[in-house]
PDB file of all heavy atoms in Angstrom:
ATOM      1  N   ARG A   1     -51.488  67.305  48.157  1.00  0.00           N
ATOM      2  CA  ARG A   1     -51.165  67.494  46.766  1.00  0.00           C
ATOM      3  C   ARG A   1     -49.736  67.190  46.433  1.00  0.00           C
ATOM      4  O   ARG A   1     -49.448  66.734  45.339  1.00  0.00           O
ATOM      5  CB  ARG A   1     -51.497  68.946  46.329  1.00  0.00           C
ATOM      6  CG  ARG A   1     -52.981  69.240  46.065  1.00  0.00           C
ATOM      7  CD  ARG A   1     -53.197  68.990  44.540  1.00  0.00           C
ATOM      8  NE  ARG A   1     -54.611  68.808  44.213  1.00  0.00           N
ATOM      9  CZ  ARG A   1     -55.497  69.858  44.002  1.00  0.00           C
ATOM     10  NH1 ARG A   1     -55.026  71.042  44.152  1.00  0.00           N
ATOM     11  NH2 ARG A   1     -56.710  69.618  43.631  1.00  0.00           N
ATOM     12  N   ARG A   2     -48.842  67.436  47.388  1.00  0.00           N
ATOM     13  CA  ARG A   2     -47.441  67.047  47.181  1.00  0.00           C
ATOM     14  C   ARG A   2     -47.347  65.576  46.960  1.00  0.00           C
ATOM     15  O   ARG A   2     -46.724  65.039  46.018  1.00  0.00           O
ATOM     16  CB  ARG A   2     -46.557  67.450  48.387  1.00  0.00           C
ATOM     17  CG  ARG A   2     -46.369  69.008  48.501  1.00  0.00           C
ATOM     18  CD  ARG A   2     -45.650  69.244  49.873  1.00  0.00           C
ATOM     19  NE  ARG A   2     -45.694  70.653  50.128  1.00  0.00           N
ATOM     20  CZ  ARG A   2     -45.312  71.167  51.260  1.00  0.00           C
ATOM     21  NH1 ARG A   2     -44.762  70.403  52.202  1.00  0.00           N
ATOM     22  NH2 ARG A   2     -45.372  72.474  51.542  1.00  0.00           N
ATOM     23  N   GLY A   3     -47.910  64.770  47.862  1.00  0.00           N
ATOM     24  CA  GLY A   3     -47.883  63.341  47.793  1.00  0.00           C
ATOM     25  C   GLY A   3     -48.522  62.860  46.460  1.00  0.00           C
ATOM     26  O   GLY A   3     -48.032  61.884  45.833  1.00  0.00           O
ATOM     27  N   ALA A   4     -49.635  63.516  46.090  1.00  0.00           N
ATOM     28  CA  ALA A   4     -50.306  63.143  44.818  1.00  0.00           C
ATOM     29  C   ALA A   4     -49.434  63.424  43.624  1.00  0.00           C
ATOM     30  O   ALA A   4     -49.375  62.571  42.701  1.00  0.00           O
ATOM     31  CB  ALA A   4     -51.636  63.926  44.705  1.00  0.00           C
ATOM     32  N   LEU A   5     -48.685  64.462  43.665  1.00  0.00           N
ATOM     33  CA  LEU A   5     -47.764  64.826  42.538  1.00  0.00           C
ATOM     34  C   LEU A   5     -46.634  63.802  42.498  1.00  0.00           C
ATOM     35  O   LEU A   5     -46.266  63.297  41.386  1.00  0.00           O
ATOM     36  CB  LEU A   5     -47.175  66.214  42.746  1.00  0.00           C
ATOM     37  CG  LEU A   5     -46.234  66.698  41.631  1.00  0.00           C
ATOM     38  CD1 LEU A   5     -46.918  66.664  40.243  1.00  0.00           C
ATOM     39  CD2 LEU A   5     -45.704  68.142  41.952  1.00  0.00           C
ATOM     40  N   PHE A   6     -46.044  63.430  43.667  1.00  0.00           N
ATOM     41  CA  PHE A   6     -45.006  62.413  43.620  1.00  0.00           C
ATOM     42  C   PHE A   6     -45.548  61.092  43.089  1.00  0.00           C
ATOM     43  O   PHE A   6     -44.858  60.404  42.269  1.00  0.00           O
ATOM     44  CB  PHE A   6     -44.507  62.198  45.084  1.00  0.00           C
ATOM     45  CG  PHE A   6     -43.896  63.395  45.733  1.00  0.00           C
ATOM     46  CD1 PHE A   6     -43.817  63.471  47.096  1.00  0.00           C
ATOM     47  CD2 PHE A   6     -43.440  64.409  44.970  1.00  0.00           C
ATOM     48  CE1 PHE A   6     -43.281  64.617  47.750  1.00  0.00           C
ATOM     49  CE2 PHE A   6     -42.891  65.547  45.561  1.00  0.00           C
ATOM     50  CZ  PHE A   6     -42.817  65.653  46.949  1.00  0.00           C
ATOM     51  N   ASP A   7     -46.763  60.695  43.468  1.00  0.00           N
ATOM     52  CA  ASP A   7     -47.331  59.454  42.930  1.00  0.00           C
ATOM     53  C   ASP A   7     -47.612  59.573  41.408  1.00  0.00           C
ATOM     54  O   ASP A   7     -47.419  58.595  40.621  1.00  0.00           O
ATOM     55  CB  ASP A   7     -48.587  59.120  43.635  1.00  0.00           C
ATOM     56  CG  ASP A   7     -48.405  58.729  45.063  1.00  0.00           C
ATOM     57  OD1 ASP A   7     -47.276  58.313  45.445  1.00  0.00           O
ATOM     58  OD2 ASP A   7     -49.351  58.792  45.926  1.00  0.00           O
ATOM     59  N   ALA A   8     -48.067  60.728  40.989  1.00  0.00           N
ATOM     60  CA  ALA A   8     -48.422  60.912  39.575  1.00  0.00           C
ATOM     61  C   ALA A   8     -47.172  60.805  38.649  1.00  0.00           C
ATOM     62  O   ALA A   8     -47.201  60.137  37.663  1.00  0.00           O
ATOM     63  CB  ALA A   8     -49.045  62.265  39.344  1.00  0.00           C
ATOM     64  N   VAL A   9     -46.022  61.423  39.030  1.00  0.00           N
ATOM     65  CA  VAL A   9     -44.871  61.329  38.170  1.00  0.00           C
ATOM     66  C   VAL A   9     -44.300  59.925  38.216  1.00  0.00           C
ATOM     67  O   VAL A   9     -43.701  59.455  37.213  1.00  0.00           O
ATOM     68  CB  VAL A   9     -43.796  62.373  38.591  1.00  0.00           C
ATOM     69  CG1 VAL A   9     -44.300  63.795  38.451  1.00  0.00           C
ATOM     70  CG2 VAL A   9     -43.265  62.179  40.015  1.00  0.00           C
ATOM     71  N   ASP A  10     -44.467  59.201  39.316  1.00  0.00           N
ATOM     72  CA  ASP A  10     -44.106  57.771  39.373  1.00  0.00           C
ATOM     73  C   ASP A  10     -44.862  56.970  38.323  1.00  0.00           C
ATOM     74  O   ASP A  10     -44.361  56.157  37.620  1.00  0.00           O
ATOM     75  CB  ASP A  10     -44.393  57.149  40.746  1.00  0.00           C
ATOM     76  CG  ASP A  10     -43.178  57.364  41.674  1.00  0.00           C
ATOM     77  OD1 ASP A  10     -42.031  57.630  41.188  1.00  0.00           O
ATOM     78  OD2 ASP A  10     -43.326  57.292  42.908  1.00  0.00           O
ATOM     79  N   ALA A  11     -46.236  57.305  38.232  1.00  0.00           N
ATOM     80  CA  ALA A  11     -47.059  56.582  37.299  1.00  0.00           C
ATOM     81  C   ALA A  11     -46.746  56.886  35.814  1.00  0.00           C
ATOM     82  O   ALA A  11     -46.832  56.060  35.000  1.00  0.00           O
ATOM     83  CB  ALA A  11     -48.501  56.862  37.584  1.00  0.00           C
ATOM     84  N   VAL A  12     -46.366  58.113  35.574  1.00  0.00           N
ATOM     85  CA  VAL A  12     -46.034  58.564  34.236  1.00  0.00           C
ATOM     86  C   VAL A  12     -44.754  57.799  33.729  1.00  0.00           C
ATOM     87  O   VAL A  12     -44.609  57.397  32.640  1.00  0.00           O
ATOM     88  CB  VAL A  12     -45.806  60.058  34.146  1.00  0.00           C
ATOM     89  CG1 VAL A  12     -45.211  60.457  32.804  1.00  0.00           C
ATOM     90  CG2 VAL A  12     -47.133  60.770  34.316  1.00  0.00           C
ATOM     91  N   GLY A  13     -43.758  57.671  34.686  1.00  0.00           N
ATOM     92  CA  GLY A  13     -42.454  57.093  34.299  1.00  0.00           C
ATOM     93  C   GLY A  13     -41.571  58.217  33.837  1.00  0.00           C
ATOM     94  O   GLY A  13     -41.842  59.398  33.965  1.00  0.00           O
ATOM     95  N   GLY A  14     -40.429  57.851  33.277  1.00  0.00           N
ATOM     96  CA  GLY A  14     -39.491  58.850  32.798  1.00  0.00           C
ATOM     97  C   GLY A  14     -38.670  59.411  33.996  1.00  0.00           C
ATOM     98  O   GLY A  14     -38.632  58.834  35.071  1.00  0.00           O
ATOM     99  N   GLN A  15     -38.037  60.541  33.761  1.00  0.00           N
ATOM    100  CA  GLN A  15     -37.181  61.188  34.746  1.00  0.00           C
ATOM    101  C   GLN A  15     -37.766  62.561  35.114  1.00  0.00           C
ATOM    102  O   GLN A  15     -38.221  63.282  34.236  1.00  0.00           O
ATOM    103  CB  GLN A  15     -35.777  61.373  34.202  1.00  0.00           C
ATOM    104  CG  GLN A  15     -34.772  61.830  35.277  1.00  0.00           C
ATOM    105  CD  GLN A  15     -33.372  61.968  34.669  1.00  0.00           C
ATOM    106  OE1 GLN A  15     -33.123  62.723  33.716  1.00  0.00           O
ATOM    107  NE2 GLN A  15     -32.457  61.186  35.231  1.00  0.00           N
ATOM    108  N   THR A  16     -37.801  62.832  36.419  1.00  0.00           N
ATOM    109  CA  THR A  16     -38.355  64.099  36.945  1.00  0.00           C
ATOM    110  C   THR A  16     -37.345  64.802  37.778  1.00  0.00           C
ATOM    111  O   THR A  16     -36.790  64.206  38.668  1.00  0.00           O
ATOM    112  CB  THR A  16     -39.643  63.846  37.711  1.00  0.00           C
ATOM    113  OG1 THR A  16     -40.623  63.142  36.911  1.00  0.00           O
ATOM    114  CG2 THR A  16     -40.264  65.177  38.144  1.00  0.00           C
ATOM    115  N   TRP A  17     -37.210  66.108  37.558  1.00  0.00           N
ATOM    116  CA  TRP A  17     -36.291  66.936  38.318  1.00  0.00           C
ATOM    117  C   TRP A  17     -37.199  67.896  39.134  1.00  0.00           C
ATOM    118  O   TRP A  17     -38.035  68.607  38.612  1.00  0.00           O
ATOM    119  CB  TRP A  17     -35.353  67.757  37.434  1.00  0.00           C
ATOM    120  CG  TRP A  17     -34.362  66.923  36.641  1.00  0.00           C
ATOM    121  CD1 TRP A  17     -34.626  65.861  35.784  1.00  0.00           C
ATOM    122  CD2 TRP A  17     -32.987  67.070  36.627  1.00  0.00           C
ATOM    123  NE1 TRP A  17     -33.479  65.390  35.262  1.00  0.00           N
ATOM    124  CE2 TRP A  17     -32.461  66.115  35.753  1.00  0.00           C
ATOM    125  CE3 TRP A  17     -32.111  67.927  37.235  1.00  0.00           C
ATOM    126  CZ2 TRP A  17     -31.096  65.982  35.492  1.00  0.00           C
ATOM    127  CZ3 TRP A  17     -30.733  67.868  37.021  1.00  0.00           C
ATOM    128  CH2 TRP A  17     -30.239  66.864  36.135  1.00  0.00           C
ATOM    129  N   PHE A  18     -36.968  67.905  40.425  1.00  0.00           N
ATOM    130  CA  PHE A  18     -37.616  68.869  41.356  1.00  0.00           C
ATOM    131  C   PHE A  18     -36.591  69.867  41.866  1.00  0.00           C
ATOM    132  O   PHE A  18     -35.373  69.586  41.942  1.00  0.00           O
ATOM    133  CB  PHE A  18     -38.202  68.120  42.539  1.00  0.00           C
ATOM    134  CG  PHE A  18     -39.315  67.129  42.259  1.00  0.00           C
ATOM    135  CD1 PHE A  18     -39.029  65.822  41.927  1.00  0.00           C
ATOM    136  CD2 PHE A  18     -40.627  67.514  42.321  1.00  0.00           C
ATOM    137  CE1 PHE A  18     -40.040  64.949  41.644  1.00  0.00           C
ATOM    138  CE2 PHE A  18     -41.670  66.659  42.071  1.00  0.00           C
ATOM    139  CZ  PHE A  18     -41.359  65.341  41.716  1.00  0.00           C
ATOM    140  N   SER A  19     -37.090  71.035  42.252  1.00  0.00           N
ATOM    141  CA  SER A  19     -36.214  72.007  42.942  1.00  0.00           C
ATOM    142  C   SER A  19     -36.978  72.644  44.077  1.00  0.00           C
ATOM    143  O   SER A  19     -38.186  72.747  44.085  1.00  0.00           O
ATOM    144  CB  SER A  19     -35.741  73.085  41.957  1.00  0.00           C
ATOM    145  OG  SER A  19     -36.796  74.013  41.652  1.00  0.00           O
ATOM    146  N   GLY A  20     -36.172  73.056  45.057  1.00  0.00           N
ATOM    147  CA  GLY A  20     -36.801  73.701  46.261  1.00  0.00           C
ATOM    148  C   GLY A  20     -35.727  74.198  47.189  1.00  0.00           C
ATOM    149  O   GLY A  20     -34.560  73.891  47.064  1.00  0.00           O
ATOM    150  N   THR A  21     -36.178  74.914  48.242  1.00  0.00           N
ATOM    151  CA  THR A  21     -35.235  75.445  49.185  1.00  0.00           C
ATOM    152  C   THR A  21     -35.336  74.651  50.460  1.00  0.00           C
ATOM    153  O   THR A  21     -34.330  74.689  51.275  1.00  0.00           O
ATOM    154  CB  THR A  21     -35.573  76.896  49.547  1.00  0.00           C
ATOM    155  OG1 THR A  21     -36.968  76.977  50.020  1.00  0.00           O
ATOM    156  CG2 THR A  21     -35.449  77.832  48.366  1.00  0.00           C
ATOM    157  N   ASP A  22     -36.392  73.947  50.772  1.00  0.00           N
ATOM    158  CA  ASP A  22     -36.580  73.255  52.020  1.00  0.00           C
ATOM    159  C   ASP A  22     -36.768  71.708  51.782  1.00  0.00           C
ATOM    160  O   ASP A  22     -37.723  71.340  51.145  1.00  0.00           O
ATOM    161  CB  ASP A  22     -37.824  73.800  52.737  1.00  0.00           C
ATOM    162  CG  ASP A  22     -37.954  73.273  54.187  1.00  0.00           C
ATOM    163  OD1 ASP A  22     -37.263  72.336  54.541  1.00  0.00           O
ATOM    164  OD2 ASP A  22     -38.775  73.862  54.921  1.00  0.00           O
ATOM    165  N   GLU A  23     -35.852  70.963  52.281  1.00  0.00           N
ATOM    166  CA  GLU A  23     -35.888  69.521  52.069  1.00  0.00           C
ATOM    167  C   GLU A  23     -37.094  68.887  52.638  1.00  0.00           C
ATOM    168  O   GLU A  23     -37.592  67.854  52.180  1.00  0.00           O
ATOM    169  CB  GLU A  23     -34.628  68.904  52.589  1.00  0.00           C
ATOM    170  CG  GLU A  23     -34.407  67.375  52.171  1.00  0.00           C
ATOM    171  CD  GLU A  23     -33.025  66.990  52.521  1.00  0.00           C
ATOM    172  OE1 GLU A  23     -32.268  67.702  53.191  1.00  0.00           O
ATOM    173  OE2 GLU A  23     -32.706  65.759  52.110  1.00  0.00           O
ATOM    174  N   ASP A  24     -37.631  69.487  53.718  1.00  0.00           N
ATOM    175  CA  ASP A  24     -38.814  68.964  54.381  1.00  0.00           C
ATOM    176  C   ASP A  24     -40.005  68.980  53.392  1.00  0.00           C
ATOM    177  O   ASP A  24     -40.973  68.191  53.600  1.00  0.00           O
ATOM    178  CB  ASP A  24     -39.178  69.729  55.621  1.00  0.00           C
ATOM    179  CG  ASP A  24     -38.145  69.530  56.744  1.00  0.00           C
ATOM    180  OD1 ASP A  24     -37.422  68.493  56.680  1.00  0.00           O
ATOM    181  OD2 ASP A  24     -38.091  70.359  57.665  1.00  0.00           O
ATOM    182  N   ASP A  25     -40.057  69.855  52.440  1.00  0.00           N
ATOM    183  CA  ASP A  25     -41.138  69.894  51.497  1.00  0.00           C
ATOM    184  C   ASP A  25     -41.277  68.605  50.644  1.00  0.00           C
ATOM    185  O   ASP A  25     -42.245  68.389  49.963  1.00  0.00           O
ATOM    186  CB  ASP A  25     -41.029  71.112  50.544  1.00  0.00           C
ATOM    187  CG  ASP A  25     -41.299  72.435  51.252  1.00  0.00           C
ATOM    188  OD1 ASP A  25     -41.958  72.392  52.306  1.00  0.00           O
ATOM    189  OD2 ASP A  25     -40.861  73.471  50.695  1.00  0.00           O
ATOM    190  N   PHE A  26     -40.161  67.838  50.661  1.00  0.00           N
ATOM    191  CA  PHE A  26     -40.071  66.670  49.795  1.00  0.00           C
ATOM    192  C   PHE A  26     -40.059  65.383  50.592  1.00  0.00           C
ATOM    193  O   PHE A  26     -39.626  64.340  50.062  1.00  0.00           O
ATOM    194  CB  PHE A  26     -38.793  66.748  48.918  1.00  0.00           C
ATOM    195  CG  PHE A  26     -38.826  67.959  48.015  1.00  0.00           C
ATOM    196  CD1 PHE A  26     -38.254  69.169  48.445  1.00  0.00           C
ATOM    197  CD2 PHE A  26     -39.392  67.885  46.768  1.00  0.00           C
ATOM    198  CE1 PHE A  26     -38.267  70.305  47.633  1.00  0.00           C
ATOM    199  CE2 PHE A  26     -39.410  69.022  45.902  1.00  0.00           C
ATOM    200  CZ  PHE A  26     -38.842  70.204  46.380  1.00  0.00           C
ATOM    201  N   THR A  27     -40.627  65.455  51.735  1.00  0.00           N
ATOM    202  CA  THR A  27     -40.729  64.178  52.581  1.00  0.00           C
ATOM    203  C   THR A  27     -41.589  63.134  51.855  1.00  0.00           C
ATOM    204  O   THR A  27     -42.637  63.440  51.328  1.00  0.00           O
ATOM    205  CB  THR A  27     -41.465  64.528  53.904  1.00  0.00           C
ATOM    206  OG1 THR A  27     -40.665  65.544  54.586  1.00  0.00           O
ATOM    207  CG2 THR A  27     -41.598  63.268  54.783  1.00  0.00           C
ATOM    208  N   GLY A  28     -41.037  61.980  51.723  1.00  0.00           N
ATOM    209  CA  GLY A  28     -41.725  60.870  51.009  1.00  0.00           C
ATOM    210  C   GLY A  28     -41.221  60.691  49.589  1.00  0.00           C
ATOM    211  O   GLY A  28     -41.583  59.722  48.952  1.00  0.00           O
ATOM    212  N   LEU A  29     -40.483  61.683  49.103  1.00  0.00           N
ATOM    213  CA  LEU A  29     -39.923  61.538  47.718  1.00  0.00           C
ATOM    214  C   LEU A  29     -38.593  60.872  47.703  1.00  0.00           C
ATOM    215  O   LEU A  29     -37.661  61.333  48.447  1.00  0.00           O
ATOM    216  CB  LEU A  29     -39.768  62.968  47.112  1.00  0.00           C
ATOM    217  CG  LEU A  29     -39.169  63.008  45.682  1.00  0.00           C
ATOM    218  CD1 LEU A  29     -40.138  62.434  44.672  1.00  0.00           C
ATOM    219  CD2 LEU A  29     -38.769  64.437  45.342  1.00  0.00           C
TER     220      LEU A  29
END
């Protein structure tokens, strides 16, 4: 689902801000 979300915001376009405590959760972003 993380990968799907990253792909989805890419498809929408615009600017997206993410936040988190663990950089590993964002592998591939």
